[in-house]
Amino acid sequence: MLNLPARTRSFAHGETLLQAGADHEVGFVILSGLVELRRDTSKLVENAEQGTVIGAVSLLFGGAQELNDIAKGPVEAATIDRATVSAQLSRNPELVREFTSMLLGRL
C-alpha cells in the first residue's frame, strides 16, 4: 500500500469525490465505504472499496478525470495531492512500481 502523507475526509451518500472532466490536484485512497465510478452520471463502470486509489491517472499525469466518483453511503478517504505524489515518486522508485502495478491491475 502507498505510504504517503494524507489528511482524511468524510463524504456523505451521493456526494461527489471527483468529477469527470475536471483536472483535479488531488486523489483519494478509500479508507472505508463504497464509491461508485460512473461514466456520465448513469453508467456504473465499477465500485471502489477500501484500499482503492481513485484519481490516480490524473495524479500521475494531469489532465481531466475520466469518471464521476460518487459516495454510495458514508465514505472516509485519505486525500493525496499531485505535488506530494510527484515529490515522493522522484525520491522513491519503489512507489513508481506500486503505482504501475495498481494502474495495470485496473485495465
Protein backbone atom coordinates (compact mmCIF):
# COMPACT_ATOMS: atom_id res chain seq x y z
CA MET A 1 0.00 0.00 0.00
CA LEU A 2 1.16 3.52 -0.74
CA ASN A 3 2.66 5.29 2.24
CA LEU A 4 2.11 8.99 1.56
CA PRO A 5 1.22 11.85 3.90
CA ALA A 6 -2.51 12.46 3.70
CA ARG A 7 -5.45 14.00 5.50
CA THR A 8 -8.79 12.25 5.97
CA ARG A 9 -12.09 13.50 4.55
CA SER A 10 -15.63 12.28 5.09
CA PHE A 11 -18.22 12.13 2.31
CA ALA A 12 -21.97 11.65 2.64
CA HIS A 13 -24.07 9.36 0.46
CA GLY A 14 -24.37 10.84 -3.04
CA GLU A 15 -21.51 13.30 -2.60
CA THR A 16 -19.01 13.53 -5.47
CA LEU A 17 -15.37 12.87 -4.60
CA LEU A 18 -14.02 13.58 -8.10
CA GLN A 19 -15.95 14.97 -11.06
CA ALA A 20 -15.45 13.84 -14.66
CA GLY A 21 -13.91 16.46 -16.93
CA ALA A 22 -12.07 18.32 -14.17
CA ASP A 23 -8.29 18.32 -13.73
CA HIS A 24 -8.03 17.56 -10.02
CA GLU A 25 -4.90 18.26 -8.00
CA VAL A 26 -5.90 15.51 -5.55
CA GLY A 27 -6.83 11.85 -5.50
CA PHE A 28 -8.14 9.64 -2.72
CA VAL A 29 -7.41 6.34 -1.04
CA ILE A 30 -10.70 4.83 0.14
CA LEU A 31 -10.41 4.03 3.85
CA SER A 32 -13.99 2.85 4.37
CA GLY A 33 -17.24 2.76 2.44
CA LEU A 34 -18.04 2.30 -1.22
CA VAL A 35 -17.52 4.71 -4.13
CA GLU A 36 -19.28 4.25 -7.46
CA LEU A 37 -17.19 5.11 -10.52
CA ARG A 38 -19.62 6.27 -13.18
CA ARG A 39 -19.36 7.35 -16.79
CA ASP A 40 -21.56 10.43 -17.02
CA THR A 41 -23.91 10.05 -14.06
CA SER A 42 -25.78 6.96 -15.13
CA LYS A 43 -23.50 4.13 -16.28
CA LEU A 44 -21.75 2.29 -13.42
CA VAL A 45 -18.24 1.27 -14.51
CA GLU A 46 -17.02 -0.24 -11.23
CA ASN A 47 -17.07 0.13 -7.46
CA ALA A 48 -14.10 1.32 -5.42
CA GLU A 49 -13.70 -0.15 -1.95
CA GLN A 50 -11.24 0.10 0.93
CA GLY A 51 -7.64 0.44 -0.30
CA THR A 52 -8.56 1.63 -3.80
CA VAL A 53 -6.84 4.76 -5.12
CA ILE A 54 -9.17 6.92 -7.20
CA GLY A 55 -7.90 9.70 -9.44
CA ALA A 56 -4.51 8.01 -9.84
CA VAL A 57 -4.08 8.74 -13.55
CA SER A 58 -4.76 12.45 -13.01
CA LEU A 59 -2.38 12.48 -10.05
CA LEU A 60 0.42 10.99 -12.14
CA PHE A 61 -0.09 12.63 -15.50
CA GLY A 62 -2.50 15.54 -15.01
CA GLY A 63 -5.45 16.01 -17.29
CA ALA A 64 -9.15 15.56 -16.94
CA GLN A 65 -10.75 13.00 -14.67
CA GLU A 66 -12.47 10.34 -16.78
CA LEU A 67 -15.18 9.18 -14.36
CA ASN A 68 -17.51 10.65 -11.75
CA ASP A 69 -16.64 9.16 -8.36
CA ILE A 70 -19.71 9.22 -6.11
CA ALA A 71 -20.07 8.05 -2.49
CA LYS A 72 -22.53 5.17 -2.07
CA GLY A 73 -23.25 5.64 1.61
CA PRO A 74 -20.82 7.25 4.04
CA VAL A 75 -17.17 7.22 2.87
CA GLU A 76 -13.89 8.02 4.61
CA ALA A 77 -10.99 8.74 2.29
CA ALA A 78 -7.38 9.87 2.60
CA THR A 79 -6.58 12.84 0.36
CA ILE A 80 -3.32 12.72 -1.61
CA ASP A 81 -2.19 15.65 -3.73
CA ARG A 82 -0.29 15.73 -7.02
CA ALA A 83 2.70 17.69 -5.64
CA THR A 84 3.22 15.19 -2.80
CA VAL A 85 2.92 12.21 -5.15
CA SER A 86 5.38 13.77 -7.59
CA ALA A 87 7.93 14.53 -4.85
CA GLN A 88 7.60 11.06 -3.33
CA LEU A 89 7.95 9.32 -6.71
CA SER A 90 11.14 11.23 -7.50
CA ARG A 91 12.67 10.13 -4.17
CA ASN A 92 11.37 6.57 -4.08
CA PRO A 93 11.43 4.41 -7.25
CA GLU A 94 9.55 1.63 -5.40
CA LEU A 95 6.46 3.86 -5.42
CA VAL A 96 6.66 4.01 -9.22
CA ARG A 97 6.39 0.21 -9.31
CA GLU A 98 3.46 0.27 -6.85
CA PHE A 99 1.56 2.86 -8.89
CA THR A 100 2.29 1.00 -12.14
CA SER A 101 1.03 -2.29 -10.67
CA MET A 102 -2.08 -0.61 -9.35
CA LEU A 103 -2.86 1.03 -12.69
CA LEU A 104 -2.19 -2.15 -14.71
CA GLY A 105 -4.47 -4.09 -12.38
CA ARG A 106 -7.34 -1.75 -13.27
CA LEU A 107 -7.04 -2.22 -17.04
